[in-house]
Amino acid sequence: MSNQLVVLDTVSGACCAPLADAALDAGQAETLAPMFKALGDPIRLRLLSMITSAQGGEMCVCDLTPAFDVSGPTISHHLKVLREAGLIEGDRRGTWVWYRPLPEAIRALAAVLK
């Protein structure tokens, strides 16, 4: 199973038609399932919402961690799950990692739920 999003519609970013219009095929379901699974955890859902709504389009892990009542390593684990699901990406700057959403993945999720 690939963690890469297969985008078929370059305008909307959608990999699939809305569920109300057509059933997903096996490949589309395999593409989307890890993303939806990652969002099934309240901490990950909050992390993604914080990252996607951040001014400047990205957020430092140093600003994410204090918002939660869990340890830094736990936040790192949740960010890793979001990254492996193809929802965010990050890059290290000094000792901190800065995360930003992958807009095509967010659009694909939104399009299929439309």
PDB file of N, CA and C in Angstrom:
ATOM      1  N   MET A   1       0.847  -1.182   0.000  1.00  0.00           N
ATOM      2  CA  MET A   1       0.000   0.000   0.000  1.00  0.00           C
ATOM      3  C   MET A   1       0.885   1.235   0.000  1.00  0.00           C
ATOM      4  N   SER A   2       0.614   2.169  -0.864  1.00  0.00           N
ATOM      5  CA  SER A   2       1.403   3.391  -0.998  1.00  0.00           C
ATOM      6  C   SER A   2       0.842   4.480  -0.105  1.00  0.00           C
ATOM      7  N   ASN A   3       1.716   5.300   0.467  1.00  0.00           N
ATOM      8  CA  ASN A   3       1.289   6.446   1.260  1.00  0.00           C
ATOM      9  C   ASN A   3       1.168   7.694   0.415  1.00  0.00           C
ATOM     10  N   GLN A   4       1.450   7.601  -0.874  1.00  0.00           N
ATOM     11  CA  GLN A   4       1.382   8.741  -1.765  1.00  0.00           C
ATOM     12  C   GLN A   4      -0.037   8.921  -2.273  1.00  0.00           C
ATOM     13  N   LEU A   5      -0.490  10.141  -2.280  1.00  0.00           N
ATOM     14  CA  LEU A   5      -1.814  10.470  -2.790  1.00  0.00           C
ATOM     15  C   LEU A   5      -1.778  10.479  -4.304  1.00  0.00           C
ATOM     16  N   VAL A   6      -2.713   9.773  -4.910  1.00  0.00           N
ATOM     17  CA  VAL A   6      -2.829   9.770  -6.360  1.00  0.00           C
ATOM     18  C   VAL A   6      -3.885  10.791  -6.724  1.00  0.00           C
ATOM     19  N   VAL A   7      -3.468  11.908  -7.286  1.00  0.00           N
ATOM     20  CA  VAL A   7      -4.391  12.976  -7.637  1.00  0.00           C
ATOM     21  C   VAL A   7      -4.712  12.869  -9.118  1.00  0.00           C
ATOM     22  N   LEU A   8      -5.976  12.702  -9.415  1.00  0.00           N
ATOM     23  CA  LEU A   8      -6.400  12.585 -10.803  1.00  0.00           C
ATOM     24  C   LEU A   8      -6.907  13.897 -11.359  1.00  0.00           C
ATOM     25  N   ASP A   9      -7.503  14.718 -10.520  1.00  0.00           N
ATOM     26  CA  ASP A   9      -8.052  15.992 -10.956  1.00  0.00           C
ATOM     27  C   ASP A   9      -7.130  17.093 -10.447  1.00  0.00           C
ATOM     28  N   THR A  10      -6.344  17.665 -11.335  1.00  0.00           N
ATOM     29  CA  THR A  10      -5.355  18.656 -10.921  1.00  0.00           C
ATOM     30  C   THR A  10      -5.973  19.991 -10.553  1.00  0.00           C
ATOM     31  N   VAL A  11      -7.219  20.226 -10.899  1.00  0.00           N
ATOM     32  CA  VAL A  11      -7.870  21.480 -10.542  1.00  0.00           C
ATOM     33  C   VAL A  11      -8.404  21.412  -9.117  1.00  0.00           C
ATOM     34  N   SER A  12      -9.154  20.379  -8.791  1.00  0.00           N
ATOM     35  CA  SER A  12      -9.755  20.288  -7.460  1.00  0.00           C
ATOM     36  C   SER A  12      -8.876  19.550  -6.468  1.00  0.00           C
ATOM     37  N   GLY A  13      -7.910  18.765  -6.950  1.00  0.00           N
ATOM     38  CA  GLY A  13      -7.081  17.969  -6.067  1.00  0.00           C
ATOM     39  C   GLY A  13      -7.752  16.673  -5.655  1.00  0.00           C
ATOM     40  N   ALA A  14      -8.922  16.412  -6.190  1.00  0.00           N
ATOM     41  CA  ALA A  14      -9.679  15.223  -5.796  1.00  0.00           C
ATOM     42  C   ALA A  14      -9.156  13.983  -6.491  1.00  0.00           C
ATOM     43  N   CYS A  15      -9.136  12.889  -5.744  1.00  0.00           N
ATOM     44  CA  CYS A  15      -8.762  11.622  -6.360  1.00  0.00           C
ATOM     45  C   CYS A  15     -10.006  10.858  -6.761  1.00  0.00           C
ATOM     46  N   CYS A  16     -11.138  11.337  -6.291  1.00  0.00           N
ATOM     47  CA  CYS A  16     -12.368  10.556  -6.449  1.00  0.00           C
ATOM     48  C   CYS A  16     -13.573  11.486  -6.566  1.00  0.00           C
ATOM     49  N   ALA A  17     -14.638  10.934  -7.104  1.00  0.00           N
ATOM     50  CA  ALA A  17     -15.907  11.654  -7.124  1.00  0.00           C
ATOM     51  C   ALA A  17     -16.483  11.639  -5.706  1.00  0.00           C
ATOM     52  N   PRO A  18     -17.347  12.591  -5.375  1.00  0.00           N
ATOM     53  CA  PRO A  18     -17.993  12.560  -4.064  1.00  0.00           C
ATOM     54  C   PRO A  18     -18.704  11.222  -3.837  1.00  0.00           C
ATOM     55  N   LEU A  19     -18.714  10.770  -2.595  1.00  0.00           N
ATOM     56  CA  LEU A  19     -19.334   9.483  -2.263  1.00  0.00           C
ATOM     57  C   LEU A  19     -20.799   9.418  -2.683  1.00  0.00           C
ATOM     58  N   ALA A  20     -21.477  10.534  -2.664  1.00  0.00           N
ATOM     59  CA  ALA A  20     -22.880  10.553  -3.061  1.00  0.00           C
ATOM     60  C   ALA A  20     -23.052  10.366  -4.561  1.00  0.00           C
ATOM     61  N   ASP A  21     -21.981  10.578  -5.332  1.00  0.00           N
ATOM     62  CA  ASP A  21     -22.069  10.460  -6.786  1.00  0.00           C
ATOM     63  C   ASP A  21     -21.610   9.107  -7.304  1.00  0.00           C
ATOM     64  N   ALA A  22     -20.612   8.519  -6.659  1.00  0.00           N
ATOM     65  CA  ALA A  22     -20.072   7.247  -7.146  1.00  0.00           C
ATOM     66  C   ALA A  22     -19.352   6.529  -6.021  1.00  0.00           C
ATOM     67  N   ALA A  23     -19.407   5.216  -6.073  1.00  0.00           N
ATOM     68  CA  ALA A  23     -18.686   4.412  -5.082  1.00  0.00           C
ATOM     69  C   ALA A  23     -17.186   4.454  -5.377  1.00  0.00           C
ATOM     70  N   LEU A  24     -16.388   4.384  -4.331  1.00  0.00           N
ATOM     71  CA  LEU A  24     -14.935   4.339  -4.488  1.00  0.00           C
ATOM     72  C   LEU A  24     -14.519   2.989  -5.055  1.00  0.00           C
ATOM     73  N   ASP A  25     -13.495   2.992  -5.890  1.00  0.00           N
ATOM     74  CA  ASP A  25     -12.930   1.714  -6.294  1.00  0.00           C
ATOM     75  C   ASP A  25     -11.864   1.330  -5.260  1.00  0.00           C
ATOM     76  N   ALA A  26     -11.303   0.154  -5.391  1.00  0.00           N
ATOM     77  CA  ALA A  26     -10.347  -0.365  -4.399  1.00  0.00           C
ATOM     78  C   ALA A  26      -9.124   0.542  -4.264  1.00  0.00           C
ATOM     79  N   GLY A  27      -8.605   1.036  -5.373  1.00  0.00           N
ATOM     80  CA  GLY A  27      -7.423   1.898  -5.332  1.00  0.00           C
ATOM     81  C   GLY A  27      -7.694   3.215  -4.636  1.00  0.00           C
ATOM     82  N   GLN A  28      -8.849   3.801  -4.914  1.00  0.00           N
ATOM     83  CA  GLN A  28      -9.207   5.061  -4.276  1.00  0.00           C
ATOM     84  C   GLN A  28      -9.368   4.862  -2.762  1.00  0.00           C
ATOM     85  N   ALA A  29     -10.006   3.775  -2.382  1.00  0.00           N
ATOM     86  CA  ALA A  29     -10.191   3.489  -0.959  1.00  0.00           C
ATOM     87  C   ALA A  29      -8.839   3.288  -0.270  1.00  0.00           C
ATOM     88  N   GLU A  30      -7.903   2.613  -0.946  1.00  0.00           N
ATOM     89  CA  GLU A  30      -6.566   2.405  -0.363  1.00  0.00           C
ATOM     90  C   GLU A  30      -5.810   3.716  -0.222  1.00  0.00           C
ATOM     91  N   THR A  31      -6.049   4.657  -1.119  1.00  0.00           N
ATOM     92  CA  THR A  31      -5.396   5.962  -1.049  1.00  0.00           C
ATOM     93  C   THR A  31      -5.951   6.783   0.107  1.00  0.00           C
ATOM     94  N   LEU A  32      -7.261   6.775   0.272  1.00  0.00           N
ATOM     95  CA  LEU A  32      -7.911   7.627   1.259  1.00  0.00           C
ATOM     96  C   LEU A  32      -7.948   7.049   2.671  1.00  0.00           C
ATOM     97  N   ALA A  33      -8.005   5.737   2.811  1.00  0.00           N
ATOM     98  CA  ALA A  33      -8.174   5.111   4.123  1.00  0.00           C
ATOM     99  C   ALA A  33      -7.114   5.526   5.146  1.00  0.00           C
ATOM    100  N   PRO A  34      -5.819   5.557   4.800  1.00  0.00           N
ATOM    101  CA  PRO A  34      -4.832   5.959   5.812  1.00  0.00           C
ATOM    102  C   PRO A  34      -5.032   7.407   6.287  1.00  0.00           C
ATOM    103  N   MET A  35      -5.509   8.265   5.392  1.00  0.00           N
ATOM    104  CA  MET A  35      -5.757   9.653   5.792  1.00  0.00           C
ATOM    105  C   MET A  35      -6.915   9.730   6.781  1.00  0.00           C
ATOM    106  N   PHE A  36      -8.013   9.050   6.451  1.00  0.00           N
ATOM    107  CA  PHE A  36      -9.152   9.062   7.360  1.00  0.00           C
ATOM    108  C   PHE A  36      -8.808   8.372   8.679  1.00  0.00           C
ATOM    109  N   LYS A  37      -8.046   7.297   8.616  1.00  0.00           N
ATOM    110  CA  LYS A  37      -7.636   6.598   9.832  1.00  0.00           C
ATOM    111  C   LYS A  37      -6.804   7.523  10.715  1.00  0.00           C
ATOM    112  N   ALA A  38      -5.883   8.261  10.116  1.00  0.00           N
ATOM    113  CA  ALA A  38      -5.052   9.192  10.888  1.00  0.00           C
ATOM    114  C   ALA A  38      -5.899  10.248  11.579  1.00  0.00           C
ATOM    115  N   LEU A  39      -6.976  10.669  10.937  1.00  0.00           N
ATOM    116  CA  LEU A  39      -7.829  11.705  11.510  1.00  0.00           C
ATOM    117  C   LEU A  39      -8.826  11.164  12.529  1.00  0.00           C
ATOM    118  N   GLY A  40      -8.822   9.851  12.739  1.00  0.00           N
ATOM    119  CA  GLY A  40      -9.723   9.235  13.706  1.00  0.00           C
ATOM    120  C   GLY A  40      -9.303   9.454  15.150  1.00  0.00           C
ATOM    121  N   ASP A  41      -8.174  10.076  15.371  1.00  0.00           N
ATOM    122  CA  ASP A  41      -7.684  10.341  16.727  1.00  0.00           C
ATOM    123  C   ASP A  41      -7.874  11.832  17.028  1.00  0.00           C
ATOM    124  N   PRO A  42      -8.464  12.183  18.173  1.00  0.00           N
ATOM    125  CA  PRO A  42      -8.724  13.594  18.476  1.00  0.00           C
ATOM    126  C   PRO A  42      -7.463  14.464  18.509  1.00  0.00           C
ATOM    127  N   ILE A  43      -6.361  13.934  19.007  1.00  0.00           N
ATOM    128  CA  ILE A  43      -5.129  14.725  19.046  1.00  0.00           C
ATOM    129  C   ILE A  43      -4.647  15.008  17.629  1.00  0.00           C
ATOM    130  N   ARG A  44      -4.657  13.994  16.766  1.00  0.00           N
ATOM    131  CA  ARG A  44      -4.207  14.205  15.388  1.00  0.00           C
ATOM    132  C   ARG A  44      -5.128  15.161  14.639  1.00  0.00           C
ATOM    133  N   LEU A  45      -6.419  15.047  14.885  1.00  0.00           N
ATOM    134  CA  LEU A  45      -7.363  15.962  14.236  1.00  0.00           C
ATOM    135  C   LEU A  45      -7.086  17.397  14.675  1.00  0.00           C
ATOM    136  N   ARG A  46      -6.841  17.599  15.966  1.00  0.00           N
ATOM    137  CA  ARG A  46      -6.503  18.950  16.458  1.00  0.00           C
ATOM    138  C   ARG A  46      -5.179  19.433  15.894  1.00  0.00           C
ATOM    139  N   LEU A  47      -4.177  18.548  15.849  1.00  0.00           N
ATOM    140  CA  LEU A  47      -2.885  18.936  15.284  1.00  0.00           C
ATOM    141  C   LEU A  47      -3.043  19.400  13.842  1.00  0.00           C
ATOM    142  N   LEU A  48      -3.774  18.617  13.051  1.00  0.00           N
ATOM    143  CA  LEU A  48      -3.968  18.996  11.649  1.00  0.00           C
ATOM    144  C   LEU A  48      -4.694  20.328  11.549  1.00  0.00           C
ATOM    145  N   SER A  49      -5.703  20.539  12.372  1.00  0.00           N
ATOM    146  CA  SER A  49      -6.439  21.805  12.310  1.00  0.00           C
ATOM    147  C   SER A  49      -5.549  22.973  12.714  1.00  0.00           C
ATOM    148  N   MET A  50      -4.679  22.780  13.683  1.00  0.00           N
ATOM    149  CA  MET A  50      -3.762  23.844  14.094  1.00  0.00           C
ATOM    150  C   MET A  50      -2.765  24.161  12.974  1.00  0.00           C
ATOM    151  N   ILE A  51      -2.253  23.120  12.339  1.00  0.00           N
ATOM    152  CA  ILE A  51      -1.271  23.306  11.270  1.00  0.00           C
ATOM    153  C   ILE A  51      -1.908  23.971  10.055  1.00  0.00           C
ATOM    154  N   THR A  52      -3.090  23.496   9.666  1.00  0.00           N
ATOM    155  CA  THR A  52      -3.730  24.053   8.470  1.00  0.00           C
ATOM    156  C   THR A  52      -4.202  25.487   8.676  1.00  0.00           C
ATOM    157  N   SER A  53      -4.491  25.868   9.905  1.00  0.00           N
ATOM    158  CA  SER A  53      -4.979  27.225  10.163  1.00  0.00           C
ATOM    159  C   SER A  53      -3.871  28.181  10.612  1.00  0.00           C
ATOM    160  N   ALA A  54      -2.638  27.711  10.663  1.00  0.00           N
ATOM    161  CA  ALA A  54      -1.526  28.541  11.132  1.00  0.00           C
ATOM    162  C   ALA A  54      -1.256  29.697  10.183  1.00  0.00           C
ATOM    163  N   GLN A  55      -0.999  30.857  10.765  1.00  0.00           N
ATOM    164  CA  GLN A  55      -0.605  32.002   9.955  1.00  0.00           C
ATOM    165  C   GLN A  55       0.727  31.681   9.300  1.00  0.00           C
ATOM    166  N   GLY A  56       0.863  32.020   8.055  1.00  0.00           N
ATOM    167  CA  GLY A  56       2.086  31.728   7.327  1.00  0.00           C
ATOM    168  C   GLY A  56       2.101  30.334   6.733  1.00  0.00           C
ATOM    169  N   GLY A  57       1.073  29.522   7.005  1.00  0.00           N
ATOM    170  CA  GLY A  57       0.948  28.217   6.378  1.00  0.00           C
ATOM    171  C   GLY A  57       1.769  27.102   6.985  1.00  0.00           C
ATOM    172  N   GLU A  58       2.441  27.357   8.109  1.00  0.00           N
ATOM    173  CA  GLU A  58       3.204  26.300   8.766  1.00  0.00           C
ATOM    174  C   GLU A  58       3.309  26.605  10.245  1.00  0.00           C
ATOM    175  N   MET A  59       3.665  25.552  10.997  1.00  0.00           N
ATOM    176  CA  MET A  59       3.731  25.703  12.442  1.00  0.00           C
ATOM    177  C   MET A  59       4.874  24.873  13.004  1.00  0.00           C
ATOM    178  N   CYS A  60       5.557  25.439  13.977  1.00  0.00           N
ATOM    179  CA  CYS A  60       6.668  24.760  14.634  1.00  0.00           C
ATOM    180  C   CYS A  60       6.135  23.784  15.682  1.00  0.00           C
ATOM    181  N   VAL A  61       6.775  22.637  15.785  1.00  0.00           N
ATOM    182  CA  VAL A  61       6.391  21.669  16.806  1.00  0.00           C
ATOM    183  C   VAL A  61       6.506  22.291  18.194  1.00  0.00           C
ATOM    184  N   CYS A  62       7.393  23.256  18.344  1.00  0.00           N
ATOM    185  CA  CYS A  62       7.554  23.929  19.642  1.00  0.00           C
ATOM    186  C   CYS A  62       6.305  24.705  20.036  1.00  0.00           C
ATOM    187  N   ASP A  63       5.485  25.098  19.068  1.00  0.00           N
ATOM    188  CA  ASP A  63       4.231  25.789  19.344  1.00  0.00           C
ATOM    189  C   ASP A  63       3.046  24.830  19.450  1.00  0.00           C
ATOM    190  N   LEU A  64       3.192  23.635  18.906  1.00  0.00           N
ATOM    191  CA  LEU A  64       2.120  22.645  18.962  1.00  0.00           C
ATOM    192  C   LEU A  64       2.085  21.931  20.314  1.00  0.00           C
ATOM    193  N   THR A  65       3.229  21.529  20.806  1.00  0.00           N
ATOM    194  CA  THR A  65       3.318  20.684  22.000  1.00  0.00           C
ATOM    195  C   THR A  65       2.626  21.278  23.227  1.00  0.00           C
ATOM    196  N   PRO A  66       2.814  22.576  23.539  1.00  0.00           N
ATOM    197  CA  PRO A  66       2.193  23.114  24.758  1.00  0.00           C
ATOM    198  C   PRO A  66       0.657  23.105  24.748  1.00  0.00           C
ATOM    199  N   ALA A  67       0.044  22.947  23.606  1.00  0.00           N
ATOM    200  CA  ALA A  67      -1.418  22.963  23.516  1.00  0.00           C
ATOM    201  C   ALA A  67      -2.062  21.661  23.999  1.00  0.00           C
ATOM    202  N   PHE A  68      -1.234  20.661  24.312  1.00  0.00           N
ATOM    203  CA  PHE A  68      -1.761  19.338  24.658  1.00  0.00           C
ATOM    204  C   PHE A  68      -1.261  18.886  26.023  1.00  0.00           C
ATOM    205  N   ASP A  69      -2.040  18.027  26.653  1.00  0.00           N
ATOM    206  CA  ASP A  69      -1.681  17.451  27.940  1.00  0.00           C
ATOM    207  C   ASP A  69      -0.996  16.102  27.776  1.00  0.00           C
ATOM    208  N   VAL A  70      -0.139  15.988  26.783  1.00  0.00           N
ATOM    209  CA  VAL A  70       0.628  14.766  26.556  1.00  0.00           C
ATOM    210  C   VAL A  70       2.090  15.157  26.359  1.00  0.00           C
ATOM    211  N   SER A  71       2.961  14.176  26.393  1.00  0.00           N
ATOM    212  CA  SER A  71       4.394  14.445  26.294  1.00  0.00           C
ATOM    213  C   SER A  71       4.817  14.824  24.873  1.00  0.00           C
ATOM    214  N   GLY A  72       5.996  15.414  24.776  1.00  0.00           N
ATOM    215  CA  GLY A  72       6.571  15.756  23.476  1.00  0.00           C
ATOM    216  C   GLY A  72       6.713  14.555  22.562  1.00  0.00           C
ATOM    217  N   PRO A  73       7.232  13.418  23.083  1.00  0.00           N
ATOM    218  CA  PRO A  73       7.332  12.238  22.220  1.00  0.00           C
ATOM    219  C   PRO A  73       5.972  11.754  21.699  1.00  0.00           C
ATOM    220  N   THR A  74       4.921  11.926  22.480  1.00  0.00           N
ATOM    221  CA  THR A  74       3.585  11.530  22.025  1.00  0.00           C
ATOM    222  C   THR A  74       3.138  12.434  20.881  1.00  0.00           C
ATOM    223  N   ILE A  75       3.393  13.730  20.998  1.00  0.00           N
ATOM    224  CA  ILE A  75       3.059  14.662  19.909  1.00  0.00           C
ATOM    225  C   ILE A  75       3.859  14.287  18.668  1.00  0.00           C
ATOM    226  N   SER A  76       5.139  13.969  18.839  1.00  0.00           N
ATOM    227  CA  SER A  76       5.972  13.563  17.700  1.00  0.00           C
ATOM    228  C   SER A  76       5.409  12.334  17.014  1.00  0.00           C
ATOM    229  N   HIS A  77       4.925  11.385  17.811  1.00  0.00           N
ATOM    230  CA  HIS A  77       4.314  10.178  17.230  1.00  0.00           C
ATOM    231  C   HIS A  77       3.089  10.546  16.396  1.00  0.00           C
ATOM    232  N   HIS A  78       2.228  11.392  16.934  1.00  0.00           N
ATOM    233  CA  HIS A  78       1.016  11.778  16.211  1.00  0.00           C
ATOM    234  C   HIS A  78       1.356  12.540  14.930  1.00  0.00           C
ATOM    235  N   LEU A  79       2.361  13.382  14.982  1.00  0.00           N
ATOM    236  CA  LEU A  79       2.792  14.096  13.781  1.00  0.00           C
ATOM    237  C   LEU A  79       3.358  13.126  12.747  1.00  0.00           C
ATOM    238  N   LYS A  80       4.055  12.117  13.207  1.00  0.00           N
ATOM    239  CA  LYS A  80       4.591  11.092  12.294  1.00  0.00           C
ATOM    240  C   LYS A  80       3.447  10.368  11.590  1.00  0.00           C
ATOM    241  N   VAL A  81       2.391  10.040  12.315  1.00  0.00           N
ATOM    242  CA  VAL A  81       1.233   9.369  11.713  1.00  0.00           C
ATOM    243  C   VAL A  81       0.599  10.262  10.642  1.00  0.00           C
ATOM    244  N   LEU A  82       0.440  11.541  10.952  1.00  0.00           N
ATOM    245  CA  LEU A  82      -0.122  12.473   9.964  1.00  0.00           C
ATOM    246  C   LEU A  82       0.783  12.593   8.743  1.00  0.00           C
ATOM    247  N   ARG A  83       2.090  12.605   8.975  1.00  0.00           N
ATOM    248  CA  ARG A  83       3.051  12.701   7.866  1.00  0.00           C
ATOM    249  C   ARG A  83       3.011  11.438   7.011  1.00  0.00           C
ATOM    250  N   GLU A  84       3.003  10.276   7.646  1.00  0.00           N
ATOM    251  CA  GLU A  84       2.969   9.015   6.901  1.00  0.00           C
ATOM    252  C   GLU A  84       1.653   8.824   6.152  1.00  0.00           C
ATOM    253  N   ALA A  85       0.587   9.447   6.636  1.00  0.00           N
ATOM    254  CA  ALA A  85      -0.707   9.373   5.949  1.00  0.00           C
ATOM    255  C   ALA A  85      -0.771  10.332   4.771  1.00  0.00           C
ATOM    256  N   GLY A  86       0.243  11.177   4.620  1.00  0.00           N
ATOM    257  CA  GLY A  86       0.280  12.105   3.495  1.00  0.00           C
ATOM    258  C   GLY A  86      -0.496  13.385   3.708  1.00  0.00           C
ATOM    259  N   LEU A  87      -0.778  13.729   4.967  1.00  0.00           N
ATOM    260  CA  LEU A  87      -1.555  14.926   5.254  1.00  0.00           C
ATOM    261  C   LEU A  87      -0.697  16.154   5.531  1.00  0.00           C
ATOM    262  N   ILE A  88       0.513  15.934   6.029  1.00  0.00           N
ATOM    263  CA  ILE A  88       1.421  17.043   6.331  1.00  0.00           C
ATOM    264  C   ILE A  88       2.827  16.673   5.888  1.00  0.00           C
ATOM    265  N   GLU A  89       3.677  17.694   5.826  1.00  0.00           N
ATOM    266  CA  GLU A  89       5.098  17.478   5.623  1.00  0.00           C
ATOM    267  C   GLU A  89       5.827  18.424   6.552  1.00  0.00           C
ATOM    268  N   GLY A  90       7.083  18.128   6.807  1.00  0.00           N
ATOM    269  CA  GLY A  90       7.836  18.971   7.716  1.00  0.00           C
ATOM    270  C   GLY A  90       9.291  19.046   7.327  1.00  0.00           C
ATOM    271  N   ASP A  91       9.943  20.080   7.830  1.00  0.00           N
ATOM    272  CA  ASP A  91      11.386  20.170   7.626  1.00  0.00           C
ATOM    273  C   ASP A  91      12.033  20.724   8.886  1.00  0.00           C
ATOM    274  N   ARG A  92      13.217  20.212   9.155  1.00  0.00           N
ATOM    275  CA  ARG A  92      13.967  20.592  10.343  1.00  0.00           C
ATOM    276  C   ARG A  92      14.687  21.906  10.091  1.00  0.00           C
ATOM    277  N   ARG A  93      14.556  22.795  11.061  1.00  0.00           N
ATOM    278  CA  ARG A  93      15.285  24.063  11.049  1.00  0.00           C
ATOM    279  C   ARG A  93      15.943  24.192  12.415  1.00  0.00           C
ATOM    280  N   GLY A  94      17.216  23.920  12.454  1.00  0.00           N
ATOM    281  CA  GLY A  94      17.912  23.900  13.737  1.00  0.00           C
ATOM    282  C   GLY A  94      17.441  22.711  14.548  1.00  0.00           C
ATOM    283  N   THR A  95      16.946  22.969  15.757  1.00  0.00           N
ATOM    284  CA  THR A  95      16.489  21.870  16.614  1.00  0.00           C
ATOM    285  C   THR A  95      15.005  21.584  16.481  1.00  0.00           C
ATOM    286  N   TRP A  96      14.280  22.418  15.731  1.00  0.00           N
ATOM    287  CA  TRP A  96      12.831  22.270  15.635  1.00  0.00           C
ATOM    288  C   TRP A  96      12.397  21.838  14.240  1.00  0.00           C
ATOM    289  N   VAL A  97      11.232  21.186  14.195  1.00  0.00           N
ATOM    290  CA  VAL A  97      10.631  20.806  12.919  1.00  0.00           C
ATOM    291  C   VAL A  97       9.405  21.680  12.699  1.00  0.00           C
ATOM    292  N   TRP A  98       9.296  22.198  11.495  1.00  0.00           N
ATOM    293  CA  TRP A  98       8.161  23.021  11.086  1.00  0.00           C
ATOM    294  C   TRP A  98       7.276  22.186  10.157  1.00  0.00           C
ATOM    295  N   TYR A  99       5.977  22.188  10.430  1.00  0.00           N
ATOM    296  CA  TYR A  99       5.024  21.383   9.673  1.00  0.00           C
ATOM    297  C   TYR A  99       4.082  22.260   8.878  1.00  0.00           C
ATOM    298  N   ARG A 100       3.704  21.755   7.709  1.00  0.00           N
ATOM    299  CA  ARG A 100       2.719  22.434   6.863  1.00  0.00           C
ATOM    300  C   ARG A 100       1.813  21.367   6.249  1.00  0.00           C
ATOM    301  N   PRO A 101       0.556  21.740   5.975  1.00  0.00           N
ATOM    302  CA  PRO A 101      -0.370  20.774   5.379  1.00  0.00           C
ATOM    303  C   PRO A 101      -0.027  20.530   3.916  1.00  0.00           C
ATOM    304  N   LEU A 102      -0.445  19.404   3.414  1.00  0.00           N
ATOM    305  CA  LEU A 102      -0.358  19.102   1.986  1.00  0.00           C
ATOM    306  C   LEU A 102      -1.736  19.386   1.399  1.00  0.00           C
ATOM    307  N   PRO A 103      -1.889  20.543   0.751  1.00  0.00           N
ATOM    308  CA  PRO A 103      -3.218  20.981   0.290  1.00  0.00           C
ATOM    309  C   PRO A 103      -3.925  19.982  -0.609  1.00  0.00           C
ATOM    310  N   GLU A 104      -3.180  19.261  -1.456  1.00  0.00           N
ATOM    311  CA  GLU A 104      -3.842  18.306  -2.349  1.00  0.00           C
ATOM    312  C   GLU A 104      -4.503  17.173  -1.565  1.00  0.00           C
ATOM    313  N   ALA A 105      -3.921  16.784  -0.434  1.00  0.00           N
ATOM    314  CA  ALA A 105      -4.526  15.740   0.387  1.00  0.00           C
ATOM    315  C   ALA A 105      -5.786  16.253   1.065  1.00  0.00           C
ATOM    316  N   ILE A 106      -5.729  17.470   1.569  1.00  0.00           N
ATOM    317  CA  ILE A 106      -6.896  18.061   2.226  1.00  0.00           C
ATOM    318  C   ILE A 106      -8.037  18.219   1.218  1.00  0.00           C
ATOM    319  N   ARG A 107      -7.705  18.666   0.013  1.00  0.00           N
ATOM    320  CA  ARG A 107      -8.728  18.806  -1.038  1.00  0.00           C
ATOM    321  C   ARG A 107      -9.318  17.456  -1.419  1.00  0.00           C
ATOM    322  N   ALA A 108      -8.487  16.415  -1.471  1.00  0.00           N
ATOM    323  CA  ALA A 108      -9.001  15.091  -1.823  1.00  0.00           C
ATOM    324  C   ALA A 108      -9.993  14.588  -0.776  1.00  0.00           C
ATOM    325  N   LEU A 109      -9.664  14.784   0.495  1.00  0.00           N
ATOM    326  CA  LEU A 109     -10.584  14.372   1.556  1.00  0.00           C
ATOM    327  C   LEU A 109     -11.893  15.156   1.473  1.00  0.00           C
ATOM    328  N   ALA A 110     -11.768  16.451   1.281  1.00  0.00           N
ATOM    329  CA  ALA A 110     -12.964  17.287   1.204  1.00  0.00           C
ATOM    330  C   ALA A 110     -13.820  16.917   0.000  1.00  0.00           C
ATOM    331  N   ALA A 111     -13.183  16.661  -1.123  1.00  0.00           N
ATOM    332  CA  ALA A 111     -13.924  16.360  -2.350  1.00  0.00           C
ATOM    333  C   ALA A 111     -14.711  15.064  -2.240  1.00  0.00           C
ATOM    334  N   VAL A 112     -14.117  14.060  -1.627  1.00  0.00           N
ATOM    335  CA  VAL A 112     -14.810  12.779  -1.535  1.00  0.00           C
ATOM    336  C   VAL A 112     -15.983  12.854  -0.542  1.00  0.00           C
ATOM    337  N   LEU A 113     -15.909  13.757   0.418  1.00  0.00           N
ATOM    338  CA  LEU A 113     -16.999  13.903   1.389  1.00  0.00           C
ATOM    339  C   LEU A 113     -18.064  14.898   0.934  1.00  0.00           C
ATOM    340  N   LYS A 114     -17.788  15.605  -0.130  1.00  0.00           N
ATOM    341  CA  LYS A 114     -18.695  16.626  -0.637  1.00  0.00           C
ATOM    342  C   LYS A 114     -20.052  16.059  -0.956  1.00  0.00           C
TER     343      LYS A 114
END
